[in-house]
Amino acid sequence: MAHVTQRTDRTDEDRSIGELLSAVTSDAQKLFRQEIELAKAEIREEATKAGKAAGMFGGAGFAGYMTALFASLAIVFALANVMDWGWAALIVTALWAVAAIALYVMGRSRMREVSKPERTVETLKEDAKWARHPTS
């Protein structure tokens, strides 16, 4: 009896439509999973930046509150020796308002450094373009 060997290394031309569709589906799923992982990595990176900026906002608020509370009292008492209590309190309030504004501006500039996941957006655009015209 003759032994017939089947070829297992078929080319795309030898494969059935079902096999080709299965391969395309598998590749699309793999690509989609990779895109999700890329998005997660980029978002994690940007979330770290946003968290640090938010921490600065929180720190600025707490420091501003504590400073305004205790330093204001001390300065108001000192200024009250040379002027009316109301004017002393107003001057101290204006000084701490300037400090709070400076901290806010620094936090806002840090927050602007946080960017969208640009690589993911770009690759998703490329994938959508390819899906519309897979042969180009």
N, C-alpha and C. Protein backbone atom coordinates (compact mmCIF):
# COMPACT_ATOMS: atom_id res chain seq x y z
N MET A 1 0.82 -1.17 0.00
CA MET A 1 0.00 0.00 0.00
C MET A 1 0.87 1.24 0.00
N ALA A 2 0.54 2.17 -0.82
CA ALA A 2 1.33 3.39 -0.92
C ALA A 2 0.93 4.34 0.20
N HIS A 3 1.92 5.00 0.72
CA HIS A 3 1.67 5.95 1.80
C HIS A 3 1.60 7.35 1.18
N VAL A 4 0.46 8.05 1.40
CA VAL A 4 0.26 9.39 0.84
C VAL A 4 0.50 10.40 1.95
N THR A 5 1.38 11.35 1.68
CA THR A 5 1.67 12.39 2.66
C THR A 5 0.88 13.63 2.29
N GLN A 6 0.19 14.19 3.27
CA GLN A 6 -0.55 15.43 3.00
C GLN A 6 0.34 16.62 3.29
N ARG A 7 0.15 17.63 2.47
CA ARG A 7 0.89 18.87 2.66
C ARG A 7 0.23 19.69 3.76
N THR A 8 0.99 20.13 4.74
CA THR A 8 0.43 20.94 5.81
C THR A 8 0.84 22.40 5.71
N ASP A 9 1.80 22.71 4.86
CA ASP A 9 2.26 24.09 4.72
C ASP A 9 1.59 24.74 3.51
N ARG A 10 0.30 24.98 3.65
CA ARG A 10 -0.47 25.55 2.55
C ARG A 10 -0.29 27.07 2.51
N THR A 11 -0.32 27.61 1.30
CA THR A 11 -0.22 29.05 1.14
C THR A 11 -1.62 29.65 1.24
N ASP A 12 -1.68 30.99 1.26
CA ASP A 12 -2.98 31.66 1.33
C ASP A 12 -3.86 31.28 0.15
N GLU A 13 -3.25 31.01 -1.00
CA GLU A 13 -4.03 30.65 -2.19
C GLU A 13 -4.71 29.29 -2.02
N ASP A 14 -4.09 28.40 -1.24
CA ASP A 14 -4.64 27.06 -1.03
C ASP A 14 -5.69 27.01 0.07
N ARG A 15 -5.78 28.04 0.89
CA ARG A 15 -6.68 28.02 2.04
C ARG A 15 -8.10 28.37 1.62
N SER A 16 -9.05 27.82 2.36
CA SER A 16 -10.46 28.10 2.06
C SER A 16 -10.84 29.49 2.58
N ILE A 17 -11.97 29.98 2.12
CA ILE A 17 -12.45 31.28 2.57
C ILE A 17 -12.69 31.26 4.08
N GLY A 18 -13.23 30.17 4.57
CA GLY A 18 -13.46 30.03 6.01
C GLY A 18 -12.18 30.13 6.81
N GLU A 19 -11.12 29.48 6.31
CA GLU A 19 -9.84 29.53 7.00
C GLU A 19 -9.26 30.94 6.96
N LEU A 20 -9.40 31.59 5.82
CA LEU A 20 -8.89 32.96 5.70
C LEU A 20 -9.66 33.91 6.62
N LEU A 21 -10.99 33.77 6.66
CA LEU A 21 -11.79 34.62 7.55
C LEU A 21 -11.44 34.36 9.00
N SER A 22 -11.20 33.10 9.33
CA SER A 22 -10.81 32.76 10.69
C SER A 22 -9.47 33.41 11.04
N ALA A 23 -8.53 33.38 10.11
CA ALA A 23 -7.22 33.99 10.34
C ALA A 23 -7.35 35.50 10.49
N VAL A 24 -8.17 36.12 9.64
CA VAL A 24 -8.37 37.57 9.73
C VAL A 24 -9.02 37.93 11.06
N THR A 25 -10.02 37.15 11.46
CA THR A 25 -10.70 37.39 12.73
C THR A 25 -9.72 37.26 13.89
N SER A 26 -8.90 36.23 13.84
CA SER A 26 -7.90 36.02 14.90
C SER A 26 -6.91 37.18 14.95
N ASP A 27 -6.45 37.62 13.77
CA ASP A 27 -5.52 38.74 13.72
C ASP A 27 -6.17 40.02 14.23
N ALA A 28 -7.43 40.24 13.87
CA ALA A 28 -8.15 41.43 14.33
C ALA A 28 -8.31 41.42 15.84
N GLN A 29 -8.62 40.25 16.39
CA GLN A 29 -8.75 40.14 17.85
C GLN A 29 -7.42 40.42 18.53
N LYS A 30 -6.35 39.87 17.97
CA LYS A 30 -5.02 40.10 18.54
C LYS A 30 -4.67 41.59 18.48
N LEU A 31 -4.95 42.22 17.35
CA LEU A 31 -4.68 43.65 17.19
C LEU A 31 -5.50 44.46 18.19
N PHE A 32 -6.76 44.11 18.35
CA PHE A 32 -7.63 44.82 19.28
C PHE A 32 -7.09 44.70 20.71
N ARG A 33 -6.67 43.50 21.10
CA ARG A 33 -6.12 43.31 22.45
C ARG A 33 -4.85 44.13 22.64
N GLN A 34 -4.02 44.19 21.61
CA GLN A 34 -2.79 44.98 21.70
C GLN A 34 -3.11 46.47 21.81
N GLU A 35 -4.13 46.92 21.08
CA GLU A 35 -4.53 48.32 21.16
C GLU A 35 -5.04 48.65 22.56
N ILE A 36 -5.80 47.74 23.15
CA ILE A 36 -6.31 47.95 24.51
C ILE A 36 -5.15 48.04 25.49
N GLU A 37 -4.17 47.18 25.35
CA GLU A 37 -3.01 47.20 26.24
C GLU A 37 -2.23 48.51 26.08
N LEU A 38 -2.09 48.98 24.85
CA LEU A 38 -1.40 50.25 24.61
C LEU A 38 -2.17 51.39 25.25
N ALA A 39 -3.48 51.39 25.09
CA ALA A 39 -4.31 52.44 25.69
C ALA A 39 -4.18 52.42 27.21
N LYS A 40 -4.21 51.23 27.79
CA LYS A 40 -4.07 51.12 29.25
C LYS A 40 -2.74 51.69 29.72
N ALA A 41 -1.67 51.35 29.00
CA ALA A 41 -0.34 51.82 29.39
C ALA A 41 -0.25 53.35 29.30
N GLU A 42 -0.78 53.90 28.22
CA GLU A 42 -0.73 55.36 28.06
C GLU A 42 -1.58 56.06 29.10
N ILE A 43 -2.76 55.53 29.35
CA ILE A 43 -3.65 56.15 30.34
C ILE A 43 -3.03 56.06 31.73
N ARG A 44 -2.41 54.94 32.05
CA ARG A 44 -1.74 54.78 33.34
C ARG A 44 -0.64 55.83 33.49
N GLU A 45 0.13 56.03 32.43
CA GLU A 45 1.22 57.01 32.46
C GLU A 45 0.69 58.43 32.67
N GLU A 46 -0.37 58.78 31.95
CA GLU A 46 -0.94 60.11 32.07
C GLU A 46 -1.68 60.28 33.40
N ALA A 47 -2.26 59.21 33.91
CA ALA A 47 -2.96 59.28 35.20
C ALA A 47 -1.96 59.56 36.32
N THR A 48 -0.75 59.05 36.19
CA THR A 48 0.28 59.33 37.18
C THR A 48 0.60 60.82 37.20
N LYS A 49 0.74 61.41 36.01
CA LYS A 49 0.98 62.85 35.93
C LYS A 49 -0.19 63.63 36.52
N ALA A 50 -1.40 63.23 36.17
CA ALA A 50 -2.59 63.91 36.68
C ALA A 50 -2.68 63.77 38.19
N GLY A 51 -2.33 62.60 38.71
CA GLY A 51 -2.36 62.39 40.15
C GLY A 51 -1.39 63.30 40.88
N LYS A 52 -0.21 63.47 40.32
CA LYS A 52 0.77 64.36 40.94
C LYS A 52 0.28 65.81 40.92
N ALA A 53 -0.31 66.21 39.80
CA ALA A 53 -0.85 67.57 39.71
C ALA A 53 -2.00 67.75 40.70
N ALA A 54 -2.86 66.76 40.81
CA ALA A 54 -3.97 66.83 41.76
C ALA A 54 -3.45 66.88 43.19
N GLY A 55 -2.38 66.14 43.46
CA GLY A 55 -1.77 66.19 44.78
C GLY A 55 -1.24 67.58 45.10
N MET A 56 -0.70 68.24 44.09
CA MET A 56 -0.23 69.61 44.30
C MET A 56 -1.40 70.54 44.60
N PHE A 57 -2.52 70.35 43.89
CA PHE A 57 -3.71 71.15 44.19
C PHE A 57 -4.17 70.92 45.63
N GLY A 58 -4.20 69.67 46.03
CA GLY A 58 -4.62 69.35 47.40
C GLY A 58 -3.66 69.93 48.42
N GLY A 59 -2.37 69.75 48.16
CA GLY A 59 -1.37 70.31 49.06
C GLY A 59 -1.44 71.82 49.13
N ALA A 60 -1.69 72.44 47.99
CA ALA A 60 -1.81 73.90 47.96
C ALA A 60 -3.00 74.35 48.79
N GLY A 61 -4.09 73.63 48.67
CA GLY A 61 -5.28 73.99 49.45
C GLY A 61 -5.06 73.85 50.95
N PHE A 62 -4.48 72.72 51.35
CA PHE A 62 -4.25 72.48 52.78
C PHE A 62 -3.22 73.47 53.33
N ALA A 63 -2.11 73.64 52.60
CA ALA A 63 -1.08 74.58 53.05
C ALA A 63 -1.63 76.00 53.11
N GLY A 64 -2.42 76.34 52.13
CA GLY A 64 -3.03 77.67 52.13
C GLY A 64 -3.94 77.88 53.33
N TYR A 65 -4.71 76.85 53.64
CA TYR A 65 -5.61 76.94 54.79
C TYR A 65 -4.84 77.09 56.10
N MET A 66 -3.87 76.20 56.32
CA MET A 66 -3.11 76.24 57.58
C MET A 66 -2.31 77.54 57.69
N THR A 67 -1.71 77.95 56.61
CA THR A 67 -0.94 79.19 56.62
C THR A 67 -1.84 80.37 56.90
N ALA A 68 -2.96 80.40 56.20
CA ALA A 68 -3.89 81.51 56.40
C ALA A 68 -4.40 81.55 57.84
N LEU A 69 -4.62 80.39 58.41
CA LEU A 69 -5.15 80.34 59.77
C LEU A 69 -4.14 80.85 60.80
N PHE A 70 -2.98 80.21 60.86
CA PHE A 70 -2.04 80.53 61.93
C PHE A 70 -1.19 81.77 61.66
N ALA A 71 -0.67 81.90 60.47
CA ALA A 71 0.15 83.07 60.15
C ALA A 71 -0.69 84.33 60.15
N SER A 72 -1.90 84.22 59.68
CA SER A 72 -2.77 85.40 59.67
C SER A 72 -3.00 85.91 61.08
N LEU A 73 -3.26 84.99 61.98
CA LEU A 73 -3.47 85.42 63.37
C LEU A 73 -2.24 86.13 63.93
N ALA A 74 -1.08 85.54 63.70
CA ALA A 74 0.15 86.14 64.22
C ALA A 74 0.41 87.51 63.61
N ILE A 75 0.24 87.61 62.30
CA ILE A 75 0.52 88.88 61.62
C ILE A 75 -0.53 89.93 61.99
N VAL A 76 -1.78 89.52 62.09
CA VAL A 76 -2.83 90.46 62.48
C VAL A 76 -2.53 91.03 63.87
N PHE A 77 -2.14 90.17 64.79
CA PHE A 77 -1.80 90.66 66.14
C PHE A 77 -0.62 91.63 66.08
N ALA A 78 0.38 91.33 65.25
CA ALA A 78 1.54 92.22 65.14
C ALA A 78 1.14 93.56 64.52
N LEU A 79 0.36 93.51 63.44
CA LEU A 79 -0.05 94.76 62.78
C LEU A 79 -1.03 95.57 63.62
N ALA A 80 -1.78 94.90 64.46
CA ALA A 80 -2.75 95.60 65.30
C ALA A 80 -2.07 96.54 66.29
N ASN A 81 -0.77 96.35 66.51
CA ASN A 81 -0.03 97.26 67.38
C ASN A 81 0.18 98.62 66.73
N VAL A 82 0.13 98.69 65.38
CA VAL A 82 0.40 99.97 64.70
C VAL A 82 -0.80 100.49 63.91
N MET A 83 -1.89 99.73 63.80
CA MET A 83 -3.08 100.18 63.05
C MET A 83 -4.32 99.50 63.62
N ASP A 84 -5.46 99.85 63.05
CA ASP A 84 -6.73 99.28 63.48
C ASP A 84 -6.78 97.79 63.14
N TRP A 85 -7.50 97.00 63.96
CA TRP A 85 -7.61 95.55 63.76
C TRP A 85 -8.18 95.20 62.38
N GLY A 86 -9.15 95.92 61.92
CA GLY A 86 -9.77 95.64 60.62
C GLY A 86 -8.79 95.77 59.47
N TRP A 87 -8.01 96.87 59.49
CA TRP A 87 -7.01 97.07 58.44
C TRP A 87 -5.92 96.00 58.51
N ALA A 88 -5.53 95.64 59.69
CA ALA A 88 -4.51 94.60 59.86
C ALA A 88 -5.00 93.28 59.26
N ALA A 89 -6.24 92.92 59.54
CA ALA A 89 -6.81 91.67 59.01
C ALA A 89 -6.93 91.73 57.49
N LEU A 90 -7.31 92.88 56.94
CA LEU A 90 -7.44 93.02 55.49
C LEU A 90 -6.09 92.87 54.78
N ILE A 91 -5.07 93.47 55.33
CA ILE A 91 -3.73 93.37 54.73
C ILE A 91 -3.26 91.91 54.72
N VAL A 92 -3.45 91.22 55.83
CA VAL A 92 -3.03 89.82 55.92
C VAL A 92 -3.82 88.95 54.94
N THR A 93 -5.10 89.19 54.81
CA THR A 93 -5.93 88.44 53.86
C THR A 93 -5.42 88.63 52.43
N ALA A 94 -5.07 89.85 52.07
CA ALA A 94 -4.56 90.13 50.72
C ALA A 94 -3.25 89.39 50.46
N LEU A 95 -2.38 89.34 51.45
CA LEU A 95 -1.10 88.63 51.28
C LEU A 95 -1.31 87.15 51.01
N TRP A 96 -2.21 86.52 51.76
CA TRP A 96 -2.44 85.08 51.58
C TRP A 96 -3.23 84.79 50.31
N ALA A 97 -4.00 85.72 49.84
CA ALA A 97 -4.68 85.54 48.56
C ALA A 97 -3.66 85.46 47.42
N VAL A 98 -2.63 86.28 47.49
CA VAL A 98 -1.57 86.25 46.49
C VAL A 98 -0.85 84.90 46.52
N ALA A 99 -0.58 84.39 47.71
CA ALA A 99 0.08 83.08 47.83
C ALA A 99 -0.80 81.97 47.25
N ALA A 100 -2.09 82.01 47.53
CA ALA A 100 -3.00 80.99 47.01
C ALA A 100 -3.07 81.03 45.49
N ILE A 101 -3.07 82.22 44.93
CA ILE A 101 -3.11 82.37 43.47
C ILE A 101 -1.84 81.79 42.84
N ALA A 102 -0.70 82.05 43.45
CA ALA A 102 0.56 81.52 42.92
C ALA A 102 0.55 79.99 42.93
N LEU A 103 0.09 79.37 44.01
CA LEU A 103 0.02 77.91 44.07
C LEU A 103 -0.96 77.35 43.04
N TYR A 104 -2.07 78.03 42.85
CA TYR A 104 -3.06 77.59 41.86
C TYR A 104 -2.45 77.62 40.46
N VAL A 105 -1.76 78.68 40.12
CA VAL A 105 -1.16 78.82 38.79
C VAL A 105 -0.12 77.72 38.56
N MET A 106 0.68 77.40 39.57
CA MET A 106 1.67 76.33 39.42
C MET A 106 0.98 74.98 39.20
N GLY A 107 -0.08 74.70 39.95
CA GLY A 107 -0.81 73.45 39.77
C GLY A 107 -1.47 73.36 38.41
N ARG A 108 -2.03 74.46 37.94
CA ARG A 108 -2.67 74.48 36.63
C ARG A 108 -1.65 74.23 35.52
N SER A 109 -0.47 74.80 35.64
CA SER A 109 0.55 74.57 34.60
C SER A 109 0.98 73.11 34.58
N ARG A 110 1.07 72.48 35.73
CA ARG A 110 1.40 71.05 35.78
C ARG A 110 0.27 70.22 35.15
N MET A 111 -0.96 70.60 35.40
CA MET A 111 -2.11 69.87 34.85
C MET A 111 -2.12 69.95 33.32
N ARG A 112 -1.66 71.05 32.78
CA ARG A 112 -1.62 71.20 31.32
C ARG A 112 -0.61 70.27 30.67
N GLU A 113 0.35 69.76 31.44
CA GLU A 113 1.34 68.83 30.91
C GLU A 113 0.75 67.45 30.66
N VAL A 114 -0.41 67.18 31.22
CA VAL A 114 -1.07 65.89 31.04
C VAL A 114 -1.68 65.88 29.65
N SER A 115 -1.35 64.87 28.85
CA SER A 115 -1.84 64.83 27.47
C SER A 115 -2.68 63.59 27.23
N LYS A 116 -3.41 63.61 26.11
CA LYS A 116 -4.22 62.45 25.73
C LYS A 116 -3.31 61.33 25.23
N PRO A 117 -3.80 60.10 25.16
CA PRO A 117 -2.97 58.98 24.68
C PRO A 117 -2.78 59.07 23.16
N GLU A 118 -1.83 59.88 22.74
CA GLU A 118 -1.66 60.20 21.32
C GLU A 118 -1.31 58.99 20.46
N ARG A 119 -0.45 58.12 20.96
CA ARG A 119 -0.07 56.94 20.16
C ARG A 119 -1.27 56.05 19.92
N THR A 120 -2.09 55.87 20.94
CA THR A 120 -3.28 55.02 20.80
C THR A 120 -4.25 55.64 19.81
N VAL A 121 -4.49 56.94 19.90
CA VAL A 121 -5.39 57.61 18.98
C VAL A 121 -4.89 57.44 17.55
N GLU A 122 -3.59 57.61 17.35
CA GLU A 122 -3.01 57.49 16.01
C GLU A 122 -3.16 56.08 15.46
N THR A 123 -2.85 55.07 16.27
CA THR A 123 -2.95 53.70 15.77
C THR A 123 -4.40 53.29 15.55
N LEU A 124 -5.32 53.80 16.36
CA LEU A 124 -6.74 53.50 16.12
C LEU A 124 -7.21 54.12 14.80
N LYS A 125 -6.72 55.33 14.50
CA LYS A 125 -7.06 55.95 13.21
C LYS A 125 -6.51 55.10 12.06
N GLU A 126 -5.27 54.63 12.21
CA GLU A 126 -4.68 53.79 11.17
C GLU A 126 -5.46 52.49 11.01
N ASP A 127 -5.87 51.89 12.12
CA ASP A 127 -6.64 50.65 12.06
C ASP A 127 -7.98 50.87 11.38
N ALA A 128 -8.64 51.99 11.69
CA ALA A 128 -9.92 52.28 11.06
C ALA A 128 -9.74 52.49 9.56
N LYS A 129 -8.65 53.18 9.18
CA LYS A 129 -8.37 53.40 7.76
C LYS A 129 -8.13 52.06 7.06
N TRP A 130 -7.35 51.19 7.70
CA TRP A 130 -7.08 49.88 7.13
C TRP A 130 -8.36 49.05 7.02
N ALA A 131 -9.23 49.13 8.03
CA ALA A 131 -10.47 48.36 8.01
C ALA A 131 -11.37 48.79 6.84
N ARG A 132 -11.34 50.08 6.51
CA ARG A 132 -12.13 50.56 5.37
C ARG A 132 -11.52 50.12 4.05
N HIS A 133 -10.19 50.06 3.98
CA HIS A 133 -9.48 49.71 2.75
C HIS A 133 -8.36 48.73 3.10
N PRO A 134 -8.67 47.45 3.35
CA PRO A 134 -7.65 46.51 3.83
C PRO A 134 -6.56 46.18 2.83
N THR A 135 -6.74 46.48 1.57
CA THR A 135 -5.72 46.13 0.58
C THR A 135 -4.71 47.24 0.36
N SER A 136 -4.95 48.43 0.91
CA SER A 136 -4.03 49.55 0.65
C SER A 136 -3.00 49.68 1.73
